[in-house]
Amino acid sequence: MEQKTPTENIIDSLDGLQKASPGDFFFTRVQARLHKEEINLWGRVTAFATRPAVALATLCVICLLNAAALFYQHESSANSVMADQFEQNSSDDYNTTVAANSYYDENAEVH
């Protein structure tokens, strides 16, 4: 039996080689990456905002703000009604005072 040299062993190991080929769908994946659009800031914001958890949280915050605005408006309208009544009472007192002064002035001129 002949012993093969290391060079012959290397050459013999190359006998079963085939041409290298890419895996399945390699070309499709490369084309997809080449044609992929760069997502800009608005695209990222839209993608984030359309998540169900974010949309639900935003809706809850808007409802709370509306409820707070209604409560504040109701409270301020009650305060403005009280202020209007106070102004009306004050003006009535002033008109009474003016009427009384004019009565005295008229009597003073008659004497």
PDB file of N, CA and C in Angstrom:
ATOM      1  N   MET A   1       0.803  -1.148   0.000  1.00  0.00           N
ATOM      2  CA  MET A   1       0.000   0.000   0.000  1.00  0.00           C
ATOM      3  C   MET A   1       0.871   1.245   0.000  1.00  0.00           C
ATOM      4  N   GLU A   2       0.467   2.134  -0.806  1.00  0.00           N
ATOM      5  CA  GLU A   2       1.258   3.345  -0.944  1.00  0.00           C
ATOM      6  C   GLU A   2       0.759   4.406   0.036  1.00  0.00           C
ATOM      7  N   GLN A   3       1.671   5.096   0.530  1.00  0.00           N
ATOM      8  CA  GLN A   3       1.307   6.219   1.390  1.00  0.00           C
ATOM      9  C   GLN A   3       1.274   7.485   0.551  1.00  0.00           C
ATOM     10  N   LYS A   4       0.218   8.245   0.774  1.00  0.00           N
ATOM     11  CA  LYS A   4       0.059   9.473   0.002  1.00  0.00           C
ATOM     12  C   LYS A   4       0.769  10.601   0.725  1.00  0.00           C
ATOM     13  N   THR A   5       1.241  11.493  -0.054  1.00  0.00           N
ATOM     14  CA  THR A   5       1.897  12.668   0.505  1.00  0.00           C
ATOM     15  C   THR A   5       0.817  13.651   0.977  1.00  0.00           C
ATOM     16  N   PRO A   6       1.214  14.580   1.826  1.00  0.00           N
ATOM     17  CA  PRO A   6       0.239  15.563   2.294  1.00  0.00           C
ATOM     18  C   PRO A   6      -0.381  16.355   1.151  1.00  0.00           C
ATOM     19  N   THR A   7       0.345  16.596   0.118  1.00  0.00           N
ATOM     20  CA  THR A   7      -0.186  17.361  -1.004  1.00  0.00           C
ATOM     21  C   THR A   7      -1.258  16.543  -1.713  1.00  0.00           C
ATOM     22  N   GLU A   8      -1.025  15.263  -1.885  1.00  0.00           N
ATOM     23  CA  GLU A   8      -2.012  14.401  -2.533  1.00  0.00           C
ATOM     24  C   GLU A   8      -3.274  14.293  -1.668  1.00  0.00           C
ATOM     25  N   ASN A   9      -3.124  14.245  -0.369  1.00  0.00           N
ATOM     26  CA  ASN A   9      -4.288  14.211   0.532  1.00  0.00           C
ATOM     27  C   ASN A   9      -5.144  15.470   0.376  1.00  0.00           C
ATOM     28  N   ILE A  10      -4.490  16.596   0.237  1.00  0.00           N
ATOM     29  CA  ILE A  10      -5.231  17.854   0.070  1.00  0.00           C
ATOM     30  C   ILE A  10      -5.969  17.841  -1.261  1.00  0.00           C
ATOM     31  N   ILE A  11      -5.318  17.395  -2.310  1.00  0.00           N
ATOM     32  CA  ILE A  11      -5.948  17.361  -3.629  1.00  0.00           C
ATOM     33  C   ILE A  11      -7.116  16.378  -3.627  1.00  0.00           C
ATOM     34  N   ASP A  12      -6.954  15.229  -2.982  1.00  0.00           N
ATOM     35  CA  ASP A  12      -8.032  14.256  -2.918  1.00  0.00           C
ATOM     36  C   ASP A  12      -9.240  14.786  -2.128  1.00  0.00           C
ATOM     37  N   SER A  13      -9.009  15.630  -1.161  1.00  0.00           N
ATOM     38  CA  SER A  13     -10.124  16.160  -0.369  1.00  0.00           C
ATOM     39  C   SER A  13     -10.969  17.137  -1.179  1.00  0.00           C
ATOM     40  N   LEU A  14     -10.432  17.660  -2.260  1.00  0.00           N
ATOM     41  CA  LEU A  14     -11.168  18.602  -3.097  1.00  0.00           C
ATOM     42  C   LEU A  14     -12.049  17.906  -4.133  1.00  0.00           C
ATOM     43  N   ASP A  15     -12.037  16.588  -4.204  1.00  0.00           N
ATOM     44  CA  ASP A  15     -12.777  15.862  -5.244  1.00  0.00           C
ATOM     45  C   ASP A  15     -14.296  16.087  -5.157  1.00  0.00           C
ATOM     46  N   GLY A  16     -14.881  16.130  -3.988  1.00  0.00           N
ATOM     47  CA  GLY A  16     -16.335  16.233  -3.858  1.00  0.00           C
ATOM     48  C   GLY A  16     -16.874  17.651  -3.809  1.00  0.00           C
ATOM     49  N   LEU A  17     -16.056  18.638  -4.089  1.00  0.00           N
ATOM     50  CA  LEU A  17     -16.513  20.040  -4.005  1.00  0.00           C
ATOM     51  C   LEU A  17     -17.466  20.394  -5.135  1.00  0.00           C
ATOM     52  N   GLN A  18     -18.429  21.269  -4.780  1.00  0.00           N
ATOM     53  CA  GLN A  18     -19.366  21.801  -5.763  1.00  0.00           C
ATOM     54  C   GLN A  18     -19.301  23.320  -5.715  1.00  0.00           C
ATOM     55  N   LYS A  19     -19.878  23.911  -6.717  1.00  0.00           N
ATOM     56  CA  LYS A  19     -19.907  25.362  -6.794  1.00  0.00           C
ATOM     57  C   LYS A  19     -20.777  25.907  -5.644  1.00  0.00           C
ATOM     58  N   ALA A  20     -20.326  26.960  -4.987  1.00  0.00           N
ATOM     59  CA  ALA A  20     -21.089  27.576  -3.893  1.00  0.00           C
ATOM     60  C   ALA A  20     -22.317  28.279  -4.457  1.00  0.00           C
ATOM     61  N   SER A  21     -23.438  28.127  -3.774  1.00  0.00           N
ATOM     62  CA  SER A  21     -24.674  28.792  -4.201  1.00  0.00           C
ATOM     63  C   SER A  21     -25.347  29.398  -2.967  1.00  0.00           C
ATOM     64  N   PRO A  22     -26.062  30.522  -3.156  1.00  0.00           N
ATOM     65  CA  PRO A  22     -26.724  31.161  -2.009  1.00  0.00           C
ATOM     66  C   PRO A  22     -27.914  30.335  -1.550  1.00  0.00           C
ATOM     67  N   GLY A  23     -28.369  30.623  -0.342  1.00  0.00           N
ATOM     68  CA  GLY A  23     -29.520  29.923   0.203  1.00  0.00           C
ATOM     69  C   GLY A  23     -30.812  30.368  -0.468  1.00  0.00           C
ATOM     70  N   ASP A  24     -31.877  29.710  -0.081  1.00  0.00           N
ATOM     71  CA  ASP A  24     -33.179  30.039  -0.646  1.00  0.00           C
ATOM     72  C   ASP A  24     -33.562  31.475  -0.288  1.00  0.00           C
ATOM     73  N   PHE A  25     -34.187  32.159  -1.221  1.00  0.00           N
ATOM     74  CA  PHE A  25     -34.707  33.519  -1.053  1.00  0.00           C
ATOM     75  C   PHE A  25     -33.618  34.548  -0.746  1.00  0.00           C
ATOM     76  N   PHE A  26     -32.367  34.224  -1.015  1.00  0.00           N
ATOM     77  CA  PHE A  26     -31.285  35.168  -0.764  1.00  0.00           C
ATOM     78  C   PHE A  26     -31.451  36.426  -1.624  1.00  0.00           C
ATOM     79  N   PHE A  27     -31.701  36.234  -2.908  1.00  0.00           N
ATOM     80  CA  PHE A  27     -31.851  37.364  -3.827  1.00  0.00           C
ATOM     81  C   PHE A  27     -33.026  38.246  -3.412  1.00  0.00           C
ATOM     82  N   THR A  28     -34.126  37.640  -2.990  1.00  0.00           N
ATOM     83  CA  THR A  28     -35.299  38.398  -2.575  1.00  0.00           C
ATOM     84  C   THR A  28     -34.995  39.255  -1.348  1.00  0.00           C
ATOM     85  N   ARG A  29     -34.267  38.677  -0.396  1.00  0.00           N
ATOM     86  CA  ARG A  29     -33.925  39.441   0.820  1.00  0.00           C
ATOM     87  C   ARG A  29     -32.981  40.592   0.505  1.00  0.00           C
ATOM     88  N   VAL A  30     -32.019  40.361  -0.404  1.00  0.00           N
ATOM     89  CA  VAL A  30     -31.095  41.428  -0.783  1.00  0.00           C
ATOM     90  C   VAL A  30     -31.853  42.555  -1.484  1.00  0.00           C
ATOM     91  N   GLN A  31     -32.743  42.202  -2.391  1.00  0.00           N
ATOM     92  CA  GLN A  31     -33.529  43.211  -3.093  1.00  0.00           C
ATOM     93  C   GLN A  31     -34.412  44.004  -2.127  1.00  0.00           C
ATOM     94  N   ALA A  32     -34.981  43.322  -1.158  1.00  0.00           N
ATOM     95  CA  ALA A  32     -35.832  44.006  -0.178  1.00  0.00           C
ATOM     96  C   ALA A  32     -35.031  45.008   0.634  1.00  0.00           C
ATOM     97  N   ARG A  33     -33.822  44.648   1.025  1.00  0.00           N
ATOM     98  CA  ARG A  33     -32.994  45.587   1.793  1.00  0.00           C
ATOM     99  C   ARG A  33     -32.529  46.757   0.940  1.00  0.00           C
ATOM    100  N   LEU A  34     -32.269  46.505  -0.312  1.00  0.00           N
ATOM    101  CA  LEU A  34     -31.829  47.594  -1.185  1.00  0.00           C
ATOM    102  C   LEU A  34     -32.946  48.596  -1.436  1.00  0.00           C
ATOM    103  N   HIS A  35     -34.161  48.115  -1.545  1.00  0.00           N
ATOM    104  CA  HIS A  35     -35.290  48.988  -1.861  1.00  0.00           C
ATOM    105  C   HIS A  35     -36.058  49.462  -0.633  1.00  0.00           C
ATOM    106  N   LYS A  36     -35.600  49.079   0.528  1.00  0.00           N
ATOM    107  CA  LYS A  36     -36.286  49.478   1.753  1.00  0.00           C
ATOM    108  C   LYS A  36     -36.152  50.985   1.936  1.00  0.00           C
ATOM    109  N   GLU A  37     -37.299  51.631   2.208  1.00  0.00           N
ATOM    110  CA  GLU A  37     -37.286  53.069   2.431  1.00  0.00           C
ATOM    111  C   GLU A  37     -36.815  53.355   3.851  1.00  0.00           C
ATOM    112  N   GLU A  38     -36.106  54.426   3.978  1.00  0.00           N
ATOM    113  CA  GLU A  38     -35.650  54.854   5.295  1.00  0.00           C
ATOM    114  C   GLU A  38     -36.847  55.440   6.039  1.00  0.00           C
ATOM    115  N   ILE A  39     -37.117  54.965   7.237  1.00  0.00           N
ATOM    116  CA  ILE A  39     -38.244  55.473   8.021  1.00  0.00           C
ATOM    117  C   ILE A  39     -37.817  56.786   8.666  1.00  0.00           C
ATOM    118  N   ASN A  40     -38.571  57.856   8.388  1.00  0.00           N
ATOM    119  CA  ASN A  40     -38.241  59.158   8.945  1.00  0.00           C
ATOM    120  C   ASN A  40     -38.869  59.323  10.332  1.00  0.00           C
ATOM    121  N   LEU A  41     -38.703  60.475  10.891  1.00  0.00           N
ATOM    122  CA  LEU A  41     -39.195  60.744  12.245  1.00  0.00           C
ATOM    123  C   LEU A  41     -40.708  60.599  12.331  1.00  0.00           C
ATOM    124  N   TRP A  42     -41.441  61.140  11.348  1.00  0.00           N
ATOM    125  CA  TRP A  42     -42.895  61.061  11.391  1.00  0.00           C
ATOM    126  C   TRP A  42     -43.376  59.625  11.272  1.00  0.00           C
ATOM    127  N   GLY A  43     -42.665  58.826  10.508  1.00  0.00           N
ATOM    128  CA  GLY A  43     -43.027  57.417  10.401  1.00  0.00           C
ATOM    129  C   GLY A  43     -42.878  56.701  11.728  1.00  0.00           C
ATOM    130  N   ARG A  44     -41.815  57.028  12.452  1.00  0.00           N
ATOM    131  CA  ARG A  44     -41.608  56.421  13.771  1.00  0.00           C
ATOM    132  C   ARG A  44     -42.654  56.898  14.777  1.00  0.00           C
ATOM    133  N   VAL A  45     -42.970  58.193  14.728  1.00  0.00           N
ATOM    134  CA  VAL A  45     -43.974  58.741  15.650  1.00  0.00           C
ATOM    135  C   VAL A  45     -45.332  58.107  15.372  1.00  0.00           C
ATOM    136  N   THR A  46     -45.672  57.982  14.102  1.00  0.00           N
ATOM    137  CA  THR A  46     -46.952  57.370  13.737  1.00  0.00           C
ATOM    138  C   THR A  46     -46.996  55.910  14.174  1.00  0.00           C
ATOM    139  N   ALA A  47     -45.897  55.197  13.955  1.00  0.00           N
ATOM    140  CA  ALA A  47     -45.855  53.790  14.364  1.00  0.00           C
ATOM    141  C   ALA A  47     -46.004  53.667  15.880  1.00  0.00           C
ATOM    142  N   PHE A  48     -45.398  54.592  16.620  1.00  0.00           N
ATOM    143  CA  PHE A  48     -45.507  54.547  18.083  1.00  0.00           C
ATOM    144  C   PHE A  48     -46.918  54.912  18.544  1.00  0.00           C
ATOM    145  N   ALA A  49     -47.492  55.939  17.921  1.00  0.00           N
ATOM    146  CA  ALA A  49     -48.804  56.435  18.356  1.00  0.00           C
ATOM    147  C   ALA A  49     -49.934  55.472  18.026  1.00  0.00           C
ATOM    148  N   THR A  50     -49.745  54.633  17.019  1.00  0.00           N
ATOM    149  CA  THR A  50     -50.815  53.715  16.639  1.00  0.00           C
ATOM    150  C   THR A  50     -50.783  52.413  17.429  1.00  0.00           C
ATOM    151  N   ARG A  51     -49.883  52.300  18.354  1.00  0.00           N
ATOM    152  CA  ARG A  51     -49.903  51.125  19.234  1.00  0.00           C
ATOM    153  C   ARG A  51     -51.139  51.220  20.119  1.00  0.00           C
ATOM    154  N   PRO A  52     -51.820  50.107  20.347  1.00  0.00           N
ATOM    155  CA  PRO A  52     -53.070  50.157  21.132  1.00  0.00           C
ATOM    156  C   PRO A  52     -52.887  50.723  22.539  1.00  0.00           C
ATOM    157  N   ALA A  53     -51.815  50.377  23.214  1.00  0.00           N
ATOM    158  CA  ALA A  53     -51.615  50.870  24.580  1.00  0.00           C
ATOM    159  C   ALA A  53     -51.434  52.387  24.592  1.00  0.00           C
ATOM    160  N   VAL A  54     -50.684  52.902  23.634  1.00  0.00           N
ATOM    161  CA  VAL A  54     -50.450  54.350  23.571  1.00  0.00           C
ATOM    162  C   VAL A  54     -51.743  55.073  23.202  1.00  0.00           C
ATOM    163  N   ALA A  55     -52.482  54.530  22.251  1.00  0.00           N
ATOM    164  CA  ALA A  55     -53.743  55.156  21.852  1.00  0.00           C
ATOM    165  C   ALA A  55     -54.742  55.168  23.004  1.00  0.00           C
ATOM    166  N   LEU A  56     -54.834  54.087  23.755  1.00  0.00           N
ATOM    167  CA  LEU A  56     -55.751  54.024  24.889  1.00  0.00           C
ATOM    168  C   LEU A  56     -55.337  54.999  25.993  1.00  0.00           C
ATOM    169  N   ALA A  57     -54.044  55.069  26.275  1.00  0.00           N
ATOM    170  CA  ALA A  57     -53.567  56.002  27.298  1.00  0.00           C
ATOM    171  C   ALA A  57     -53.844  57.449  26.883  1.00  0.00           C
ATOM    172  N   THR A  58     -53.637  57.768  25.616  1.00  0.00           N
ATOM    173  CA  THR A  58     -53.902  59.120  25.119  1.00  0.00           C
ATOM    174  C   THR A  58     -55.383  59.453  25.233  1.00  0.00           C
ATOM    175  N   LEU A  59     -56.228  58.501  24.893  1.00  0.00           N
ATOM    176  CA  LEU A  59     -57.673  58.706  25.007  1.00  0.00           C
ATOM    177  C   LEU A  59     -58.086  58.955  26.456  1.00  0.00           C
ATOM    178  N   CYS A  60     -57.510  58.214  27.395  1.00  0.00           N
ATOM    179  CA  CYS A  60     -57.815  58.413  28.820  1.00  0.00           C
ATOM    180  C   CYS A  60     -57.379  59.797  29.294  1.00  0.00           C
ATOM    181  N   VAL A  61     -56.202  60.236  28.866  1.00  0.00           N
ATOM    182  CA  VAL A  61     -55.716  61.556  29.270  1.00  0.00           C
ATOM    183  C   VAL A  61     -56.627  62.648  28.718  1.00  0.00           C
ATOM    184  N   ILE A  62     -57.060  62.504  27.476  1.00  0.00           N
ATOM    185  CA  ILE A  62     -57.953  63.500  26.880  1.00  0.00           C
ATOM    186  C   ILE A  62     -59.280  63.549  27.637  1.00  0.00           C
ATOM    187  N   CYS A  63     -59.812  62.378  27.996  1.00  0.00           N
ATOM    188  CA  CYS A  63     -61.072  62.352  28.761  1.00  0.00           C
ATOM    189  C   CYS A  63     -60.900  62.999  30.132  1.00  0.00           C
ATOM    190  N   LEU A  64     -59.792  62.753  30.802  1.00  0.00           N
ATOM    191  CA  LEU A  64     -59.545  63.376  32.100  1.00  0.00           C
ATOM    192  C   LEU A  64     -59.418  64.896  31.978  1.00  0.00           C
ATOM    193  N   LEU A  65     -58.740  65.360  30.937  1.00  0.00           N
ATOM    194  CA  LEU A  65     -58.617  66.802  30.740  1.00  0.00           C
ATOM    195  C   LEU A  65     -59.970  67.446  30.464  1.00  0.00           C
ATOM    196  N   ASN A  66     -60.808  66.771  29.688  1.00  0.00           N
ATOM    197  CA  ASN A  66     -62.158  67.301  29.434  1.00  0.00           C
ATOM    198  C   ASN A  66     -62.978  67.349  30.718  1.00  0.00           C
ATOM    199  N   ALA A  67     -62.886  66.308  31.536  1.00  0.00           N
ATOM    200  CA  ALA A  67     -63.624  66.295  32.795  1.00  0.00           C
ATOM    201  C   ALA A  67     -63.136  67.414  33.714  1.00  0.00           C
ATOM    202  N   ALA A  68     -61.822  67.623  33.761  1.00  0.00           N
ATOM    203  CA  ALA A  68     -61.276  68.698  34.598  1.00  0.00           C
ATOM    204  C   ALA A  68     -61.732  70.059  34.084  1.00  0.00           C
ATOM    205  N   ALA A  69     -61.761  70.222  32.759  1.00  0.00           N
ATOM    206  CA  ALA A  69     -62.207  71.507  32.196  1.00  0.00           C
ATOM    207  C   ALA A  69     -63.678  71.750  32.508  1.00  0.00           C
ATOM    208  N   LEU A  70     -64.508  70.729  32.415  1.00  0.00           N
ATOM    209  CA  LEU A  70     -65.924  70.892  32.747  1.00  0.00           C
ATOM    210  C   LEU A  70     -66.113  71.227  34.222  1.00  0.00           C
ATOM    211  N   PHE A  71     -65.364  70.552  35.096  1.00  0.00           N
ATOM    212  CA  PHE A  71     -65.462  70.829  36.525  1.00  0.00           C
ATOM    213  C   PHE A  71     -65.028  72.260  36.822  1.00  0.00           C
ATOM    214  N   TYR A  72     -63.933  72.683  36.220  1.00  0.00           N
ATOM    215  CA  TYR A  72     -63.439  74.041  36.436  1.00  0.00           C
ATOM    216  C   TYR A  72     -64.436  75.068  35.906  1.00  0.00           C
ATOM    217  N   GLN A  73     -65.007  74.794  34.728  1.00  0.00           N
ATOM    218  CA  GLN A  73     -65.980  75.721  34.147  1.00  0.00           C
ATOM    219  C   GLN A  73     -67.220  75.825  35.029  1.00  0.00           C
ATOM    220  N   HIS A  74     -67.686  74.705  35.545  1.00  0.00           N
ATOM    221  CA  HIS A  74     -68.856  74.719  36.427  1.00  0.00           C
ATOM    222  C   HIS A  74     -68.554  75.503  37.692  1.00  0.00           C
ATOM    223  N   GLU A  75     -67.374  75.292  38.250  1.00  0.00           N
ATOM    224  CA  GLU A  75     -66.997  75.985  39.484  1.00  0.00           C
ATOM    225  C   GLU A  75     -66.848  77.482  39.237  1.00  0.00           C
ATOM    226  N   SER A  76     -66.232  77.859  38.125  1.00  0.00           N
ATOM    227  CA  SER A  76     -66.046  79.291  37.852  1.00  0.00           C
ATOM    228  C   SER A  76     -67.366  79.962  37.512  1.00  0.00           C
ATOM    229  N   SER A  77     -68.296  79.238  36.866  1.00  0.00           N
ATOM    230  CA  SER A  77     -69.591  79.844  36.568  1.00  0.00           C
ATOM    231  C   SER A  77     -70.383  80.061  37.858  1.00  0.00           C
ATOM    232  N   ALA A  78     -70.256  79.137  38.819  1.00  0.00           N
ATOM    233  CA  ALA A  78     -70.923  79.328  40.103  1.00  0.00           C
ATOM    234  C   ALA A  78     -70.332  80.538  40.824  1.00  0.00           C
ATOM    235  N   ASN A  79     -69.022  80.681  40.758  1.00  0.00           N
ATOM    236  CA  ASN A  79     -68.373  81.833  41.382  1.00  0.00           C
ATOM    237  C   ASN A  79     -68.761  83.122  40.682  1.00  0.00           C
ATOM    238  N   SER A  80     -68.890  83.088  39.353  1.00  0.00           N
ATOM    239  CA  SER A  80     -69.251  84.313  38.635  1.00  0.00           C
ATOM    240  C   SER A  80     -70.692  84.697  38.925  1.00  0.00           C
ATOM    241  N   VAL A  81     -71.580  83.728  39.118  1.00  0.00           N
ATOM    242  CA  VAL A  81     -72.966  84.039  39.482  1.00  0.00           C
ATOM    243  C   VAL A  81     -72.988  84.709  40.847  1.00  0.00           C
ATOM    244  N   MET A  82     -72.198  84.195  41.784  1.00  0.00           N
ATOM    245  CA  MET A  82     -72.138  84.796  43.119  1.00  0.00           C
ATOM    246  C   MET A  82     -71.562  86.206  43.034  1.00  0.00           C
ATOM    247  N   ALA A  83     -70.544  86.386  42.191  1.00  0.00           N
ATOM    248  CA  ALA A  83     -69.938  87.709  42.051  1.00  0.00           C
ATOM    249  C   ALA A  83     -70.922  88.676  41.411  1.00  0.00           C
ATOM    250  N   ASP A  84     -71.687  88.210  40.431  1.00  0.00           N
ATOM    251  CA  ASP A  84     -72.692  89.070  39.795  1.00  0.00           C
ATOM    252  C   ASP A  84     -73.764  89.484  40.805  1.00  0.00           C
ATOM    253  N   GLN A  85     -74.180  88.549  41.647  1.00  0.00           N
ATOM    254  CA  GLN A  85     -75.177  88.881  42.660  1.00  0.00           C
ATOM    255  C   GLN A  85     -74.615  89.886  43.649  1.00  0.00           C
ATOM    256  N   PHE A  86     -73.350  89.725  44.021  1.00  0.00           N
ATOM    257  CA  PHE A  86     -72.723  90.670  44.945  1.00  0.00           C
ATOM    258  C   PHE A  86     -72.630  92.048  44.302  1.00  0.00           C
ATOM    259  N   GLU A  87     -72.250  92.085  43.026  1.00  0.00           N
ATOM    260  CA  GLU A  87     -72.174  93.374  42.339  1.00  0.00           C
ATOM    261  C   GLU A  87     -73.552  94.018  42.237  1.00  0.00           C
ATOM    262  N   GLN A  88     -74.557  93.214  41.971  1.00  0.00           N
ATOM    263  CA  GLN A  88     -75.917  93.746  41.869  1.00  0.00           C
ATOM    264  C   GLN A  88     -76.367  94.312  43.207  1.00  0.00           C
ATOM    265  N   ASN A  89     -76.100  93.569  44.284  1.00  0.00           N
ATOM    266  CA  ASN A  89     -76.460  94.060  45.611  1.00  0.00           C
ATOM    267  C   ASN A  89     -75.687  95.319  45.954  1.00  0.00           C
ATOM    268  N   SER A  90     -74.413  95.366  45.588  1.00  0.00           N
ATOM    269  CA  SER A  90     -73.605  96.551  45.862  1.00  0.00           C
ATOM    270  C   SER A  90     -74.115  97.747  45.078  1.00  0.00           C
ATOM    271  N   SER A  91     -74.475  97.490  43.812  1.00  0.00           N
ATOM    272  CA  SER A  91     -74.968  98.613  43.009  1.00  0.00           C
ATOM    273  C   SER A  91     -76.330  99.080  43.503  1.00  0.00           C
ATOM    274  N   ASP A  92     -77.149  98.161  44.002  1.00  0.00           N
ATOM    275  CA  ASP A  92     -78.427  98.561  44.570  1.00  0.00           C
ATOM    276  C   ASP A  92     -78.211  99.439  45.797  1.00  0.00           C
ATOM    277  N   ASP A  93     -77.244  99.050  46.631  1.00  0.00           N
ATOM    278  CA  ASP A  93     -76.930  99.867  47.803  1.00  0.00           C
ATOM    279  C   ASP A  93     -76.431 101.237  47.385  1.00  0.00           C
ATOM    280  N   TYR A  94     -75.619 101.277  46.348  1.00  0.00           N
ATOM    281  CA  TYR A  94     -75.093 102.556  45.882  1.00  0.00           C
ATOM    282  C   TYR A  94     -76.218 103.421  45.340  1.00  0.00           C
ATOM    283  N   ASN A  95     -77.104 102.821  44.563  1.00  0.00           N
ATOM    284  CA  ASN A  95     -78.222 103.604  44.011  1.00  0.00           C
ATOM    285  C   ASN A  95     -79.119 104.123  45.116  1.00  0.00           C
ATOM    286  N   THR A  96     -79.311 103.348  46.154  1.00  0.00           N
ATOM    287  CA  THR A  96     -80.108 103.800  47.282  1.00  0.00           C
ATOM    288  C   THR A  96     -79.432 104.989  47.947  1.00  0.00           C
ATOM    289  N   THR A  97     -78.127 104.900  48.086  1.00  0.00           N
ATOM    290  CA  THR A  97     -77.390 105.986  48.709  1.00  0.00           C
ATOM    291  C   THR A  97     -77.472 107.235  47.855  1.00  0.00           C
ATOM    292  N   VAL A  98     -77.338 107.077  46.550  1.00  0.00           N
ATOM    293  CA  VAL A  98     -77.411 108.227  45.653  1.00  0.00           C
ATOM    294  C   VAL A  98     -78.815 108.825  45.700  1.00  0.00           C
ATOM    295  N   ALA A  99     -79.832 107.969  45.719  1.00  0.00           N
ATOM    296  CA  ALA A  99     -81.214 108.476  45.778  1.00  0.00           C
ATOM    297  C   ALA A  99     -81.441 109.220  47.077  1.00  0.00           C
ATOM    298  N   ALA A 100     -80.898 108.712  48.170  1.00  0.00           N
ATOM    299  CA  ALA A 100     -81.074 109.386  49.452  1.00  0.00           C
ATOM    300  C   ALA A 100     -80.352 110.725  49.440  1.00  0.00           C
ATOM    301  N   ASN A 101     -79.170 110.774  48.862  1.00  0.00           N
ATOM    302  CA  ASN A 101     -78.435 112.039  48.799  1.00  0.00           C
ATOM    303  C   ASN A 101     -79.178 113.051  47.942  1.00  0.00           C
ATOM    304  N   SER A 102     -79.752 112.603  46.854  1.00  0.00           N
ATOM    305  CA  SER A 102     -80.472 113.549  46.001  1.00  0.00           C
ATOM    306  C   SER A 102     -81.736 114.046  46.701  1.00  0.00           C
ATOM    307  N   TYR A 103     -82.345 113.225  47.531  1.00  0.00           N
ATOM    308  CA  TYR A 103     -83.524 113.653  48.286  1.00  0.00           C
ATOM    309  C   TYR A 103     -83.145 114.758  49.258  1.00  0.00           C
ATOM    310  N   TYR A 104     -82.015 114.548  49.918  1.00  0.00           N
ATOM    311  CA  TYR A 104     -81.572 115.559  50.870  1.00  0.00           C
ATOM    312  C   TYR A 104     -81.158 116.822  50.156  1.00  0.00           C
ATOM    313  N   ASP A 105     -80.546 116.657  48.973  1.00  0.00           N
ATOM    314  CA  ASP A 105     -80.131 117.843  48.222  1.00  0.00           C
ATOM    315  C   ASP A 105     -81.338 118.658  47.769  1.00  0.00           C
ATOM    316  N   GLU A 106     -82.385 117.971  47.349  1.00  0.00           N
ATOM    317  CA  GLU A 106     -83.571 118.690  46.914  1.00  0.00           C
ATOM    318  C   GLU A 106     -84.208 119.458  48.084  1.00  0.00           C
ATOM    319  N   ASN A 107     -84.222 118.811  49.246  1.00  0.00           N
ATOM    320  CA  ASN A 107     -84.793 119.479  50.423  1.00  0.00           C
ATOM    321  C   ASN A 107     -83.931 120.650  50.879  1.00  0.00           C
ATOM    322  N   ALA A 108     -82.641 120.506  50.654  1.00  0.00           N
ATOM    323  CA  ALA A 108     -81.759 121.593  51.069  1.00  0.00           C
ATOM    324  C   ALA A 108     -81.983 122.824  50.195  1.00  0.00           C
ATOM    325  N   GLU A 109     -82.266 122.637  48.962  1.00  0.00           N
ATOM    326  CA  GLU A 109     -82.476 123.769  48.065  1.00  0.00           C
ATOM    327  C   GLU A 109     -83.816 124.459  48.347  1.00  0.00           C
ATOM    328  N   VAL A 110     -84.786 123.709  48.818  1.00  0.00           N
ATOM    329  CA  VAL A 110     -86.101 124.276  49.072  1.00  0.00           C
ATOM    330  C   VAL A 110     -86.056 125.197  50.268  1.00  0.00           C
ATOM    331  N   HIS A 111     -85.303 124.915  51.233  1.00  0.00           N
ATOM    332  CA  HIS A 111     -85.279 125.751  52.447  1.00  0.00           C
ATOM    333  C   HIS A 111     -84.653 127.020  52.186  1.00  0.00           C
TER     334      HIS A 111
END
